Amino acid sequence: MFLERYLMPDFMTAHFSNVKPEMLTQAGIRGLICDIDNTLATYDDPDPPENVRRWCAEMTAAGVKIAFVSNNDAARVNRFNKPFGFPAFPDAKKPSVKGLARAMQAMGTDVTSTAVLGDQLLTDALAAKRAGLKAIIVPPIKDKKTLFFRFKRWLEQPYVNEYRRRHTLI
């Protein structure tokens, strides 16, 4: 299936904290491009929760570089990133790959050593696949209930189901 190539994640997990530095380094991943909203925190969390701070510290201590690429605005992304100082790219317009390319350049990584962590197949996974990167998908923490988001999740569901049929969650 044509769309499967672009929408099927490489890995799925129940929570971002299940992504461990050892797993990434074994896969040759030195840089992780992270979505923020509904991946690491809810839209209601203007600042990173303590579990996100610990996880990011664990990643960086293990030598995994992190960058934030978000479709949200600069005020949101910059405030969330303030405690970290990671490369951060707001208004990314994912599934555009431009923000991902800028993040890789800032981290000093390339397509062979970078993965994307996000909650949406139609933005995060699609952007990752278009850029030649591995896609790690988590379920949304607290999904929006608008008709648009419900429709997007409905479109994604067959690919989520197929992934689960073929693979186990990490």
Protein backbone atom coordinates (compact mmCIF):
# COMPACT_ATOMS: atom_id res chain seq x y z
CA MET A 1 0.00 0.00 0.00
CA PHE A 2 1.43 3.36 -1.08
CA LEU A 3 0.36 5.33 2.01
CA GLU A 4 1.71 2.65 4.33
CA ARG A 5 5.22 3.62 3.30
CA TYR A 6 4.62 7.14 4.63
CA LEU A 7 2.28 6.56 7.54
CA MET A 8 3.45 3.33 9.17
CA PRO A 9 5.68 4.17 12.15
CA ASP A 10 8.90 2.30 12.78
CA PHE A 11 8.11 2.05 16.49
CA MET A 12 5.09 2.64 18.70
CA THR A 13 5.03 2.88 22.46
CA ALA A 14 2.43 3.69 25.09
CA HIS A 15 4.38 6.66 26.50
CA PHE A 16 7.39 8.75 25.53
CA SER A 17 9.25 7.63 28.67
CA ASN A 18 9.41 4.10 27.22
CA VAL A 19 11.89 5.45 24.66
CA LYS A 20 15.22 4.79 26.32
CA PRO A 21 18.70 5.99 25.36
CA GLU A 22 19.92 2.39 25.03
CA MET A 23 17.21 1.61 22.48
CA LEU A 24 18.15 4.66 20.43
CA THR A 25 21.89 4.11 20.52
CA GLN A 26 21.45 0.44 19.56
CA ALA A 27 19.52 1.66 16.51
CA GLY A 28 22.30 4.15 15.70
CA ILE A 29 20.17 7.13 16.71
CA ARG A 30 22.16 10.06 18.12
CA GLY A 31 19.51 12.74 17.64
CA LEU A 32 15.83 12.78 18.53
CA ILE A 33 13.46 15.35 17.06
CA CYS A 34 10.53 15.68 19.46
CA ASP A 35 7.08 17.05 18.98
CA ILE A 36 5.79 18.78 22.12
CA ASP A 37 2.01 18.93 22.27
CA ASN A 38 0.31 15.64 23.11
CA THR A 39 3.66 13.87 22.79
CA LEU A 40 5.61 15.18 25.79
CA ALA A 41 2.96 17.36 27.42
CA THR A 42 -0.64 18.46 27.01
CA TYR A 43 -1.55 21.73 25.34
CA ASP A 44 -2.42 22.91 28.87
CA ASP A 45 1.18 22.48 30.13
CA PRO A 46 3.01 25.70 29.24
CA ASP A 47 6.18 24.45 30.94
CA PRO A 48 7.69 20.97 30.75
CA PRO A 49 6.43 18.64 33.48
CA GLU A 50 8.99 17.08 35.81
CA ASN A 51 8.83 13.69 34.06
CA VAL A 52 9.77 15.38 30.76
CA ARG A 53 12.67 17.19 32.42
CA ARG A 54 13.99 13.90 33.89
CA TRP A 55 13.59 12.07 30.57
CA CYS A 56 15.40 14.81 28.63
CA ALA A 57 18.19 14.82 31.23
CA GLU A 58 18.51 11.03 30.88
CA MET A 59 18.72 11.34 27.09
CA THR A 60 21.32 14.09 27.09
CA ALA A 61 23.39 12.34 29.78
CA ALA A 62 23.53 9.32 27.47
CA GLY A 63 24.69 11.48 24.56
CA VAL A 64 21.38 11.62 22.68
CA LYS A 65 20.78 15.11 21.30
CA ILE A 66 17.26 16.54 21.37
CA ALA A 67 15.54 19.17 19.26
CA PHE A 68 11.94 20.34 19.36
CA VAL A 69 10.02 20.71 16.10
CA SER A 70 6.44 21.81 16.62
CA ASN A 71 3.56 23.13 14.59
CA ASN A 72 2.70 25.38 17.53
CA ASP A 73 3.73 29.04 17.71
CA ALA A 74 7.04 30.50 18.85
CA ALA A 75 5.75 31.70 22.23
CA ARG A 76 4.60 28.19 23.16
CA VAL A 77 7.71 26.40 21.89
CA ASN A 78 10.20 28.88 23.34
CA ARG A 79 8.58 28.83 26.78
CA PHE A 80 8.53 25.03 26.83
CA ASN A 81 12.17 24.90 25.68
CA LYS A 82 13.44 27.57 28.10
CA PRO A 83 14.68 25.11 30.79
CA PHE A 84 16.53 23.05 28.16
CA GLY A 85 17.97 25.37 25.55
CA PHE A 86 17.65 22.70 22.87
CA PRO A 87 17.40 23.65 19.21
CA ALA A 88 13.71 24.47 18.74
CA PHE A 89 11.72 25.16 15.61
CA PRO A 90 8.13 26.44 15.96
CA ASP A 91 5.55 26.86 13.19
CA ALA A 92 7.11 23.86 11.42
CA LYS A 93 4.09 23.12 9.24
CA LYS A 94 4.64 19.36 9.54
CA PRO A 95 4.45 17.22 7.44
CA SER A 96 6.85 19.68 5.83
CA VAL A 97 10.41 18.42 6.26
CA LYS A 98 12.08 21.84 6.54
CA GLY A 99 11.94 21.96 10.34
CA LEU A 100 13.35 18.44 10.56
CA ALA A 101 16.26 19.37 8.28
CA ARG A 102 16.99 22.46 10.37
CA ALA A 103 16.88 20.38 13.56
CA MET A 104 19.31 17.80 12.16
CA GLN A 105 21.68 20.55 11.10
CA ALA A 106 21.51 22.15 14.56
CA MET A 107 22.15 18.78 16.27
CA GLY A 108 24.89 17.75 13.85
CA THR A 109 23.05 14.58 12.86
CA ASP A 110 21.79 13.19 9.58
CA VAL A 111 19.07 10.88 8.26
CA THR A 112 20.94 7.78 9.38
CA SER A 113 21.31 8.95 12.97
CA THR A 114 18.05 10.79 13.69
CA ALA A 115 14.50 9.78 14.62
CA VAL A 116 11.26 11.69 15.15
CA LEU A 117 9.07 11.26 18.24
CA GLY A 118 5.46 12.39 17.91
CA ASP A 119 1.81 11.55 18.41
CA GLN A 120 0.34 11.99 14.93
CA LEU A 121 0.83 9.84 11.87
CA LEU A 122 -0.41 12.55 9.48
CA THR A 123 2.09 15.12 10.71
CA ASP A 124 4.96 13.59 12.71
CA ALA A 125 5.28 10.17 11.04
CA LEU A 126 4.61 11.54 7.57
CA ALA A 127 7.24 14.25 7.98
CA ALA A 128 9.74 11.71 9.33
CA LYS A 129 9.17 9.29 6.46
CA ARG A 130 9.32 12.04 3.85
CA ALA A 131 12.70 13.07 5.30
CA GLY A 132 13.98 9.47 5.41
CA LEU A 133 13.93 9.30 9.22
CA LYS A 134 12.62 6.70 11.64
CA ALA A 135 9.26 7.54 13.23
CA ILE A 136 8.41 6.74 16.86
CA ILE A 137 4.74 7.30 17.67
CA VAL A 138 3.00 7.56 21.04
CA PRO A 139 -0.73 7.92 21.65
CA PRO A 140 -1.82 11.49 22.35
CA ILE A 141 -1.73 12.42 26.02
CA LYS A 142 -4.95 14.43 25.91
CA ASP A 143 -6.35 14.67 22.41
CA LYS A 144 -8.37 17.59 21.17
CA LYS A 145 -12.01 16.70 20.57
CA THR A 146 -12.63 18.94 17.57
CA LEU A 147 -14.15 17.42 14.45
CA PHE A 148 -10.88 18.02 12.58
CA PHE A 149 -8.79 16.08 15.13
CA ARG A 150 -11.33 13.29 15.42
CA PHE A 151 -11.28 12.94 11.60
CA LYS A 152 -7.46 12.84 11.55
CA ARG A 153 -7.41 10.14 14.23
CA TRP A 154 -9.99 8.14 12.28
CA LEU A 155 -7.75 8.32 9.18
CA GLU A 156 -4.76 7.17 11.23
CA GLN A 157 -6.49 4.24 12.94
CA PRO A 158 -6.02 1.60 10.19
CA TYR A 159 -2.24 2.20 10.28
CA VAL A 160 -2.15 2.03 14.07
CA ASN A 161 -4.09 -1.23 13.95
CA GLU A 162 -1.81 -2.68 11.28
CA TYR A 163 1.31 -1.73 13.26
CA ARG A 164 -0.11 -3.45 16.33
CA ARG A 165 -0.98 -6.52 14.28
CA ARG A 166 2.62 -6.81 13.02
CA HIS A 167 4.65 -5.58 15.99
CA THR A 168 4.69 -5.32 19.76
CA LEU A 169 4.82 -1.95 21.45
CA ILE A 170 8.11 -0.90 22.99
